[in-house]
Structure formats: C-alpha cells, structure tokens
Amino acid sequence: MASWRDAPYFSGAERVALELVEAVLTANPAGERVPDELYARAAAHYDDKALWTLVLAISQICFFIPVAVIAKPIPGRPPGKNYTG
C-alpha cells in the first residue's frame, strides 16, 4: 500500500492508522518509531478501546511478517513442505 499518502480514498482515521503501521514497520536508527505526536494524532481519531484494538491488529501484522519471510508458506501445503515438489 505504498501509495496511500497520495490516494484520495482514505479518511483521516484511516490515514493515521496507515501512518502508524508504517511507523511501526520502518526501522528508525535515530530514535523511536512512533513519536508522541503520531500517537496523539491516532488518539484523536480513536477512543481508548479502538486505539488498543488497532495496536493489537498491528501486532498481529508484525507477528506474521517474519513467519512469511522465513517460512515462505505455500497455500495448501503443510508446514515444512514448502520446498519439496
């Protein structure tokens, strides 16, 4: 979803959610990934429960990325059978 910033199809809440995901997934050697200002903008769009739900959804994304990168699962094949013919 590299073009989300330029696309006119997202609401303010959706844009800040996408920005939050991008911040979490982008390494920042100079400091923290999610600055207080970004968190405050997200909190302005979501109540506490919705913001926590968004954080948990992002954590699930962060869990499955290494699984996909390392294991390279192939749909329909059992785990561990990804490299056989």
PDB file of N, CA and C in Angstrom:
ATOM      1  N   MET A   1       0.840  -1.163   0.000  1.00  0.00           N
ATOM      2  CA  MET A   1       0.000   0.000   0.000  1.00  0.00           C
ATOM      3  C   MET A   1       0.891   1.234   0.000  1.00  0.00           C
ATOM      4  N   ALA A   2       1.842   1.250  -0.867  1.00  0.00           N
ATOM      5  CA  ALA A   2       2.822   2.330  -0.892  1.00  0.00           C
ATOM      6  C   ALA A   2       2.227   3.676  -1.286  1.00  0.00           C
ATOM      7  N   SER A   3       1.101   3.667  -1.959  1.00  0.00           N
ATOM      8  CA  SER A   3       0.545   4.928  -2.463  1.00  0.00           C
ATOM      9  C   SER A   3      -0.560   5.510  -1.583  1.00  0.00           C
ATOM     10  N   TRP A   4      -0.689   5.034  -0.361  1.00  0.00           N
ATOM     11  CA  TRP A   4      -1.789   5.502   0.485  1.00  0.00           C
ATOM     12  C   TRP A   4      -1.742   7.006   0.727  1.00  0.00           C
ATOM     13  N   ARG A   5      -0.559   7.578   0.778  1.00  0.00           N
ATOM     14  CA  ARG A   5      -0.450   9.020   1.040  1.00  0.00           C
ATOM     15  C   ARG A   5      -1.055   9.855  -0.091  1.00  0.00           C
ATOM     16  N   ASP A   6      -0.955   9.355  -1.309  1.00  0.00           N
ATOM     17  CA  ASP A   6      -1.443  10.104  -2.467  1.00  0.00           C
ATOM     18  C   ASP A   6      -2.883   9.773  -2.843  1.00  0.00           C
ATOM     19  N   ALA A   7      -3.391   8.653  -2.357  1.00  0.00           N
ATOM     20  CA  ALA A   7      -4.740   8.217  -2.723  1.00  0.00           C
ATOM     21  C   ALA A   7      -5.794   9.054  -1.989  1.00  0.00           C
ATOM     22  N   PRO A   8      -6.840   9.472  -2.683  1.00  0.00           N
ATOM     23  CA  PRO A   8      -7.876  10.305  -2.068  1.00  0.00           C
ATOM     24  C   PRO A   8      -8.970   9.491  -1.368  1.00  0.00           C
ATOM     25  N   TYR A   9      -8.778   8.201  -1.223  1.00  0.00           N
ATOM     26  CA  TYR A   9      -9.855   7.307  -0.786  1.00  0.00           C
ATOM     27  C   TYR A   9      -9.910   7.045   0.707  1.00  0.00           C
ATOM     28  N   PHE A  10      -8.987   7.578   1.479  1.00  0.00           N
ATOM     29  CA  PHE A  10      -8.909   7.256   2.896  1.00  0.00           C
ATOM     30  C   PHE A  10      -9.357   8.418   3.767  1.00  0.00           C
ATOM     31  N   SER A  11     -10.065   8.076   4.840  1.00  0.00           N
ATOM     32  CA  SER A  11     -10.478   9.083   5.818  1.00  0.00           C
ATOM     33  C   SER A  11      -9.271   9.473   6.674  1.00  0.00           C
ATOM     34  N   GLY A  12      -9.436  10.486   7.482  1.00  0.00           N
ATOM     35  CA  GLY A  12      -8.367  10.896   8.387  1.00  0.00           C
ATOM     36  C   GLY A  12      -7.978   9.788   9.350  1.00  0.00           C
ATOM     37  N   ALA A  13      -8.969   9.072   9.875  1.00  0.00           N
ATOM     38  CA  ALA A  13      -8.692   7.965  10.797  1.00  0.00           C
ATOM     39  C   ALA A  13      -7.933   6.846  10.087  1.00  0.00           C
ATOM     40  N   GLU A  14      -8.326   6.540   8.861  1.00  0.00           N
ATOM     41  CA  GLU A  14      -7.630   5.502   8.098  1.00  0.00           C
ATOM     42  C   GLU A  14      -6.193   5.924   7.779  1.00  0.00           C
ATOM     43  N   ARG A  15      -6.020   7.179   7.447  1.00  0.00           N
ATOM     44  CA  ARG A  15      -4.669   7.674   7.128  1.00  0.00           C
ATOM     45  C   ARG A  15      -3.739   7.594   8.337  1.00  0.00           C
ATOM     46  N   VAL A  16      -4.231   7.979   9.503  1.00  0.00           N
ATOM     47  CA  VAL A  16      -3.377   7.926  10.686  1.00  0.00           C
ATOM     48  C   VAL A  16      -3.103   6.466  11.068  1.00  0.00           C
ATOM     49  N   ALA A  17      -4.047   5.560  10.821  1.00  0.00           N
ATOM     50  CA  ALA A  17      -3.811   4.133  11.081  1.00  0.00           C
ATOM     51  C   ALA A  17      -2.724   3.606  10.148  1.00  0.00           C
ATOM     52  N   LEU A  18      -2.797   3.966   8.880  1.00  0.00           N
ATOM     53  CA  LEU A  18      -1.769   3.547   7.920  1.00  0.00           C
ATOM     54  C   LEU A  18      -0.408   4.138   8.281  1.00  0.00           C
ATOM     55  N   GLU A  19      -0.400   5.379   8.723  1.00  0.00           N
ATOM     56  CA  GLU A  19       0.856   6.012   9.125  1.00  0.00           C
ATOM     57  C   GLU A  19       1.443   5.318  10.352  1.00  0.00           C
ATOM     58  N   LEU A  20       0.568   4.900  11.261  1.00  0.00           N
ATOM     59  CA  LEU A  20       1.015   4.190  12.457  1.00  0.00           C
ATOM     60  C   LEU A  20       1.633   2.842  12.081  1.00  0.00           C
ATOM     61  N   VAL A  21       0.988   2.104  11.197  1.00  0.00           N
ATOM     62  CA  VAL A  21       1.535   0.825  10.735  1.00  0.00           C
ATOM     63  C   VAL A  21       2.894   1.050  10.066  1.00  0.00           C
ATOM     64  N   GLU A  22       2.967   2.035   9.205  1.00  0.00           N
ATOM     65  CA  GLU A  22       4.220   2.342   8.511  1.00  0.00           C
ATOM     66  C   GLU A  22       5.332   2.690   9.510  1.00  0.00           C
ATOM     67  N   ALA A  23       4.993   3.461  10.530  1.00  0.00           N
ATOM     68  CA  ALA A  23       5.986   3.845  11.533  1.00  0.00           C
ATOM     69  C   ALA A  23       6.495   2.622  12.302  1.00  0.00           C
ATOM     70  N   VAL A  24       5.595   1.726  12.641  1.00  0.00           N
ATOM     71  CA  VAL A  24       5.979   0.531  13.392  1.00  0.00           C
ATOM     72  C   VAL A  24       6.877  -0.370  12.545  1.00  0.00           C
ATOM     73  N   LEU A  25       6.578  -0.481  11.262  1.00  0.00           N
ATOM     74  CA  LEU A  25       7.308  -1.411  10.405  1.00  0.00           C
ATOM     75  C   LEU A  25       8.581  -0.839   9.790  1.00  0.00           C
ATOM     76  N   THR A  26       8.842   0.445   9.979  1.00  0.00           N
ATOM     77  CA  THR A  26      10.024   1.074   9.401  1.00  0.00           C
ATOM     78  C   THR A  26      11.064   1.309  10.497  1.00  0.00           C
ATOM     79  N   ALA A  27      12.209   0.695  10.307  1.00  0.00           N
ATOM     80  CA  ALA A  27      13.279   0.879  11.289  1.00  0.00           C
ATOM     81  C   ALA A  27      13.696   2.341  11.348  1.00  0.00           C
ATOM     82  N   ASN A  28      13.983   2.821  12.545  1.00  0.00           N
ATOM     83  CA  ASN A  28      14.417   4.194  12.732  1.00  0.00           C
ATOM     84  C   ASN A  28      15.656   4.191  13.618  1.00  0.00           C
ATOM     85  N   PRO A  29      16.846   4.148  13.007  1.00  0.00           N
ATOM     86  CA  PRO A  29      18.064   4.095  13.819  1.00  0.00           C
ATOM     87  C   PRO A  29      18.304   5.354  14.654  1.00  0.00           C
ATOM     88  N   ALA A  30      17.593   6.429  14.341  1.00  0.00           N
ATOM     89  CA  ALA A  30      17.805   7.688  15.058  1.00  0.00           C
ATOM     90  C   ALA A  30      16.931   7.831  16.304  1.00  0.00           C
ATOM     91  N   GLY A  31      16.005   6.920  16.515  1.00  0.00           N
ATOM     92  CA  GLY A  31      15.143   7.072  17.682  1.00  0.00           C
ATOM     93  C   GLY A  31      13.928   6.175  17.634  1.00  0.00           C
ATOM     94  N   GLU A  32      12.922   6.566  18.392  1.00  0.00           N
ATOM     95  CA  GLU A  32      11.717   5.748  18.482  1.00  0.00           C
ATOM     96  C   GLU A  32      10.944   5.744  17.166  1.00  0.00           C
ATOM     97  N   ARG A  33      10.200   4.692  16.950  1.00  0.00           N
ATOM     98  CA  ARG A  33       9.455   4.558  15.703  1.00  0.00           C
ATOM     99  C   ARG A  33       8.141   5.327  15.726  1.00  0.00           C
ATOM    100  N   VAL A  34       7.495   5.350  16.863  1.00  0.00           N
ATOM    101  CA  VAL A  34       6.199   6.030  16.974  1.00  0.00           C
ATOM    102  C   VAL A  34       6.378   7.229  17.910  1.00  0.00           C
ATOM    103  N   PRO A  35       6.549   8.415  17.346  1.00  0.00           N
ATOM    104  CA  PRO A  35       6.709   9.596  18.193  1.00  0.00           C
ATOM    105  C   PRO A  35       5.391   9.945  18.898  1.00  0.00           C
ATOM    106  N   ASP A  36       5.498  10.680  19.970  1.00  0.00           N
ATOM    107  CA  ASP A  36       4.320  11.078  20.739  1.00  0.00           C
ATOM    108  C   ASP A  36       3.309  11.822  19.869  1.00  0.00           C
ATOM    109  N   GLU A  37       3.782  12.608  18.932  1.00  0.00           N
ATOM    110  CA  GLU A  37       2.890  13.383  18.056  1.00  0.00           C
ATOM    111  C   GLU A  37       2.028  12.464  17.206  1.00  0.00           C
ATOM    112  N   LEU A  38       2.594  11.387  16.688  1.00  0.00           N
ATOM    113  CA  LEU A  38       1.817  10.432  15.891  1.00  0.00           C
ATOM    114  C   LEU A  38       0.801   9.717  16.772  1.00  0.00           C
ATOM    115  N   TYR A  39       1.227   9.298  17.955  1.00  0.00           N
ATOM    116  CA  TYR A  39       0.298   8.653  18.876  1.00  0.00           C
ATOM    117  C   TYR A  39      -0.857   9.592  19.235  1.00  0.00           C
ATOM    118  N   ALA A  40      -0.564  10.852  19.462  1.00  0.00           N
ATOM    119  CA  ALA A  40      -1.608  11.828  19.806  1.00  0.00           C
ATOM    120  C   ALA A  40      -2.591  11.995  18.648  1.00  0.00           C
ATOM    121  N   ARG A  41      -2.088  12.007  17.420  1.00  0.00           N
ATOM    122  CA  ARG A  41      -2.987  12.119  16.260  1.00  0.00           C
ATOM    123  C   ARG A  41      -3.872  10.885  16.138  1.00  0.00           C
ATOM    124  N   ALA A  42      -3.307   9.713  16.409  1.00  0.00           N
ATOM    125  CA  ALA A  42      -4.112   8.485  16.374  1.00  0.00           C
ATOM    126  C   ALA A  42      -5.165   8.517  17.481  1.00  0.00           C
ATOM    127  N   ALA A  43      -4.766   8.952  18.674  1.00  0.00           N
ATOM    128  CA  ALA A  43      -5.695   9.022  19.803  1.00  0.00           C
ATOM    129  C   ALA A  43      -6.814  10.025  19.559  1.00  0.00           C
ATOM    130  N   ALA A  44      -6.573  11.014  18.710  1.00  0.00           N
ATOM    131  CA  ALA A  44      -7.619  11.988  18.386  1.00  0.00           C
ATOM    132  C   ALA A  44      -8.705  11.370  17.496  1.00  0.00           C
ATOM    133  N   HIS A  45      -8.366  10.316  16.782  1.00  0.00           N
ATOM    134  CA  HIS A  45      -9.324   9.665  15.878  1.00  0.00           C
ATOM    135  C   HIS A  45      -9.997   8.446  16.493  1.00  0.00           C
ATOM    136  N   TYR A  46      -9.384   7.863  17.511  1.00  0.00           N
ATOM    137  CA  TYR A  46      -9.889   6.609  18.076  1.00  0.00           C
ATOM    138  C   TYR A  46     -10.031   6.737  19.584  1.00  0.00           C
ATOM    139  N   ASP A  47     -11.111   6.164  20.135  1.00  0.00           N
ATOM    140  CA  ASP A  47     -11.225   6.122  21.589  1.00  0.00           C
ATOM    141  C   ASP A  47     -10.246   5.069  22.116  1.00  0.00           C
ATOM    142  N   ASP A  48     -10.141   4.940  23.423  1.00  0.00           N
ATOM    143  CA  ASP A  48      -9.141   4.044  24.017  1.00  0.00           C
ATOM    144  C   ASP A  48      -9.289   2.603  23.527  1.00  0.00           C
ATOM    145  N   LYS A  49     -10.510   2.102  23.490  1.00  0.00           N
ATOM    146  CA  LYS A  49     -10.728   0.711  23.067  1.00  0.00           C
ATOM    147  C   LYS A  49     -10.362   0.527  21.596  1.00  0.00           C
ATOM    148  N   ALA A  50     -10.764   1.444  20.748  1.00  0.00           N
ATOM    149  CA  ALA A  50     -10.465   1.335  19.321  1.00  0.00           C
ATOM    150  C   ALA A  50      -8.964   1.473  19.065  1.00  0.00           C
ATOM    151  N   LEU A  51      -8.305   2.351  19.791  1.00  0.00           N
ATOM    152  CA  LEU A  51      -6.857   2.523  19.615  1.00  0.00           C
ATOM    153  C   LEU A  51      -6.119   1.261  20.051  1.00  0.00           C
ATOM    154  N   TRP A  52      -6.538   0.684  21.161  1.00  0.00           N
ATOM    155  CA  TRP A  52      -5.906  -0.553  21.625  1.00  0.00           C
ATOM    156  C   TRP A  52      -6.167  -1.687  20.632  1.00  0.00           C
ATOM    157  N   THR A  53      -7.355  -1.745  20.064  1.00  0.00           N
ATOM    158  CA  THR A  53      -7.666  -2.747  19.042  1.00  0.00           C
ATOM    159  C   THR A  53      -6.759  -2.566  17.831  1.00  0.00           C
ATOM    160  N   LEU A  54      -6.543  -1.326  17.418  1.00  0.00           N
ATOM    161  CA  LEU A  54      -5.647  -1.035  16.307  1.00  0.00           C
ATOM    162  C   LEU A  54      -4.221  -1.482  16.639  1.00  0.00           C
ATOM    163  N   VAL A  55      -3.757  -1.200  17.841  1.00  0.00           N
ATOM    164  CA  VAL A  55      -2.419  -1.614  18.261  1.00  0.00           C
ATOM    165  C   VAL A  55      -2.289  -3.140  18.213  1.00  0.00           C
ATOM    166  N   LEU A  56      -3.304  -3.852  18.680  1.00  0.00           N
ATOM    167  CA  LEU A  56      -3.262  -5.318  18.645  1.00  0.00           C
ATOM    168  C   LEU A  56      -3.295  -5.846  17.216  1.00  0.00           C
ATOM    169  N   ALA A  57      -4.051  -5.197  16.341  1.00  0.00           N
ATOM    170  CA  ALA A  57      -4.072  -5.607  14.930  1.00  0.00           C
ATOM    171  C   ALA A  57      -2.689  -5.409  14.302  1.00  0.00           C
ATOM    172  N   ILE A  58      -2.044  -4.295  14.609  1.00  0.00           N
ATOM    173  CA  ILE A  58      -0.696  -4.046  14.099  1.00  0.00           C
ATOM    174  C   ILE A  58       0.273  -5.102  14.648  1.00  0.00           C
ATOM    175  N   SER A  59       0.096  -5.495  15.901  1.00  0.00           N
ATOM    176  CA  SER A  59       0.983  -6.510  16.477  1.00  0.00           C
ATOM    177  C   SER A  59       0.828  -7.845  15.762  1.00  0.00           C
ATOM    178  N   GLN A  60      -0.379  -8.149  15.321  1.00  0.00           N
ATOM    179  CA  GLN A  60      -0.591  -9.388  14.561  1.00  0.00           C
ATOM    180  C   GLN A  60       0.121  -9.324  13.215  1.00  0.00           C
ATOM    181  N   ILE A  61       0.080  -8.169  12.572  1.00  0.00           N
ATOM    182  CA  ILE A  61       0.810  -7.984  11.316  1.00  0.00           C
ATOM    183  C   ILE A  61       2.300  -8.225  11.575  1.00  0.00           C
ATOM    184  N   CYS A  62       2.797  -7.639  12.656  1.00  0.00           N
ATOM    185  CA  CYS A  62       4.218  -7.762  12.978  1.00  0.00           C
ATOM    186  C   CYS A  62       4.598  -9.204  13.326  1.00  0.00           C
ATOM    187  N   PHE A  63       3.647  -9.990  13.800  1.00  0.00           N
ATOM    188  CA  PHE A  63       3.913 -11.402  14.078  1.00  0.00           C
ATOM    189  C   PHE A  63       4.024 -12.198  12.785  1.00  0.00           C
ATOM    190  N   PHE A  64       3.120 -11.968  11.856  1.00  0.00           N
ATOM    191  CA  PHE A  64       3.062 -12.797  10.660  1.00  0.00           C
ATOM    192  C   PHE A  64       4.084 -12.435   9.594  1.00  0.00           C
ATOM    193  N   ILE A  65       4.645 -11.250   9.626  1.00  0.00           N
ATOM    194  CA  ILE A  65       5.662 -10.880   8.629  1.00  0.00           C
ATOM    195  C   ILE A  65       6.883 -11.804   8.719  1.00  0.00           C
ATOM    196  N   PRO A  66       7.489 -12.010   9.900  1.00  0.00           N
ATOM    197  CA  PRO A  66       8.634 -12.931   9.929  1.00  0.00           C
ATOM    198  C   PRO A  66       8.251 -14.357   9.557  1.00  0.00           C
ATOM    199  N   VAL A  67       7.053 -14.794   9.920  1.00  0.00           N
ATOM    200  CA  VAL A  67       6.607 -16.135   9.541  1.00  0.00           C
ATOM    201  C   VAL A  67       6.610 -16.262   8.017  1.00  0.00           C
ATOM    202  N   ALA A  68       6.076 -15.265   7.333  1.00  0.00           N
ATOM    203  CA  ALA A  68       6.021 -15.312   5.878  1.00  0.00           C
ATOM    204  C   ALA A  68       7.412 -15.187   5.257  1.00  0.00           C
ATOM    205  N   VAL A  69       8.248 -14.324   5.813  1.00  0.00           N
ATOM    206  CA  VAL A  69       9.585 -14.104   5.255  1.00  0.00           C
ATOM    207  C   VAL A  69      10.473 -15.329   5.467  1.00  0.00           C
ATOM    208  N   ILE A  70      10.397 -15.941   6.630  1.00  0.00           N
ATOM    209  CA  ILE A  70      11.269 -17.073   6.953  1.00  0.00           C
ATOM    210  C   ILE A  70      10.710 -18.385   6.414  1.00  0.00           C
ATOM    211  N   ALA A  71       9.455 -18.680   6.696  1.00  0.00           N
ATOM    212  CA  ALA A  71       8.886 -19.984   6.345  1.00  0.00           C
ATOM    213  C   ALA A  71       8.404 -20.077   4.903  1.00  0.00           C
ATOM    214  N   LYS A  72       8.115 -18.928   4.284  1.00  0.00           N
ATOM    215  CA  LYS A  72       7.616 -18.893   2.909  1.00  0.00           C
ATOM    216  C   LYS A  72       6.477 -19.899   2.697  1.00  0.00           C
ATOM    217  N   PRO A  73       5.416 -19.774   3.486  1.00  0.00           N
ATOM    218  CA  PRO A  73       4.338 -20.759   3.385  1.00  0.00           C
ATOM    219  C   PRO A  73       3.674 -20.741   2.007  1.00  0.00           C
ATOM    220  N   ILE A  74       3.339 -21.919   1.536  1.00  0.00           N
ATOM    221  CA  ILE A  74       2.635 -22.072   0.266  1.00  0.00           C
ATOM    222  C   ILE A  74       1.235 -22.568   0.595  1.00  0.00           C
ATOM    223  N   PRO A  75       0.212 -21.849   0.182  1.00  0.00           N
ATOM    224  CA  PRO A  75      -1.165 -22.278   0.485  1.00  0.00           C
ATOM    225  C   PRO A  75      -1.414 -23.710   0.021  1.00  0.00           C
ATOM    226  N   GLY A  76      -2.037 -24.479   0.881  1.00  0.00           N
ATOM    227  CA  GLY A  76      -2.377 -25.859   0.550  1.00  0.00           C
ATOM    228  C   GLY A  76      -1.306 -26.862   0.919  1.00  0.00           C
ATOM    229  N   ARG A  77      -0.127 -26.395   1.267  1.00  0.00           N
ATOM    230  CA  ARG A  77       0.947 -27.310   1.671  1.00  0.00           C
ATOM    231  C   ARG A  77       1.090 -27.277   3.182  1.00  0.00           C
ATOM    232  N   PRO A  78       1.372 -28.425   3.807  1.00  0.00           N
ATOM    233  CA  PRO A  78       1.557 -28.427   5.255  1.00  0.00           C
ATOM    234  C   PRO A  78       2.861 -27.726   5.642  1.00  0.00           C
ATOM    235  N   PRO A  79       2.947 -27.220   6.874  1.00  0.00           N
ATOM    236  CA  PRO A  79       4.187 -26.580   7.322  1.00  0.00           C
ATOM    237  C   PRO A  79       5.382 -27.524   7.139  1.00  0.00           C
ATOM    238  N   GLY A  80       6.482 -26.984   6.692  1.00  0.00           N
ATOM    239  CA  GLY A  80       7.688 -27.771   6.485  1.00  0.00           C
ATOM    240  C   GLY A  80       7.774 -28.416   5.118  1.00  0.00           C
ATOM    241  N   LYS A  81       6.744 -28.315   4.318  1.00  0.00           N
ATOM    242  CA  LYS A  81       6.719 -28.931   2.989  1.00  0.00           C
ATOM    243  C   LYS A  81       6.758 -27.879   1.880  1.00  0.00           C
ATOM    244  N   ASN A  82       7.309 -26.705   2.168  1.00  0.00           N
ATOM    245  CA  ASN A  82       7.310 -25.610   1.211  1.00  0.00           C
ATOM    246  C   ASN A  82       8.374 -25.743   0.136  1.00  0.00           C
ATOM    247  N   TYR A  83       9.378 -26.581   0.372  1.00  0.00           N
ATOM    248  CA  TYR A  83      10.492 -26.630  -0.565  1.00  0.00           C
ATOM    249  C   TYR A  83      10.578 -27.951  -1.317  1.00  0.00           C
ATOM    250  N   THR A  84       9.550 -28.766  -1.191  1.00  0.00           N
ATOM    251  CA  THR A  84       9.565 -30.056  -1.901  1.00  0.00           C
ATOM    252  C   THR A  84       8.585 -30.030  -3.060  1.00  0.00           C
ATOM    253  N   GLY A  85       8.820 -30.851  -4.052  1.00  0.00           N
ATOM    254  CA  GLY A  85       7.986 -30.872  -5.256  1.00  0.00           C
ATOM    255  C   GLY A  85       6.824 -31.752  -5.211  1.00  0.00           C
TER     256      GLY A  85
END
